[in-house]
Amino acid sequence: MCVAAEGTVLSVEGRDAVVDFHGNEVTAKCGLVQLKPGDHVLVHAGCILQVLSQREQNEMTDLSAIFAEVGAY
């Protein structure tokens, strides 16, 4: 099973963005979407797939909390 992770864009330079995943900063490719610092994004295999709406971001945060509760992370 593959899982995409939700993160927050810290900076964008060309086709690369630095994304914060709960304190871990990772560089991801952003050639597929237009984004800006502060956007919440969905990342899989080092590529940003989409910018999340506030509702989607809240749902991902809730799911992450459930995964953490059951020890899935």
Foldseek 3Di string as FASTA:
>chain_A
DFAWAKWFWAADDDQWTWTDDPNDTDIAGEPVDDDGGGFIFTGGPRHTDDTDDPVRVVVRVVVVVVCVVVVVD
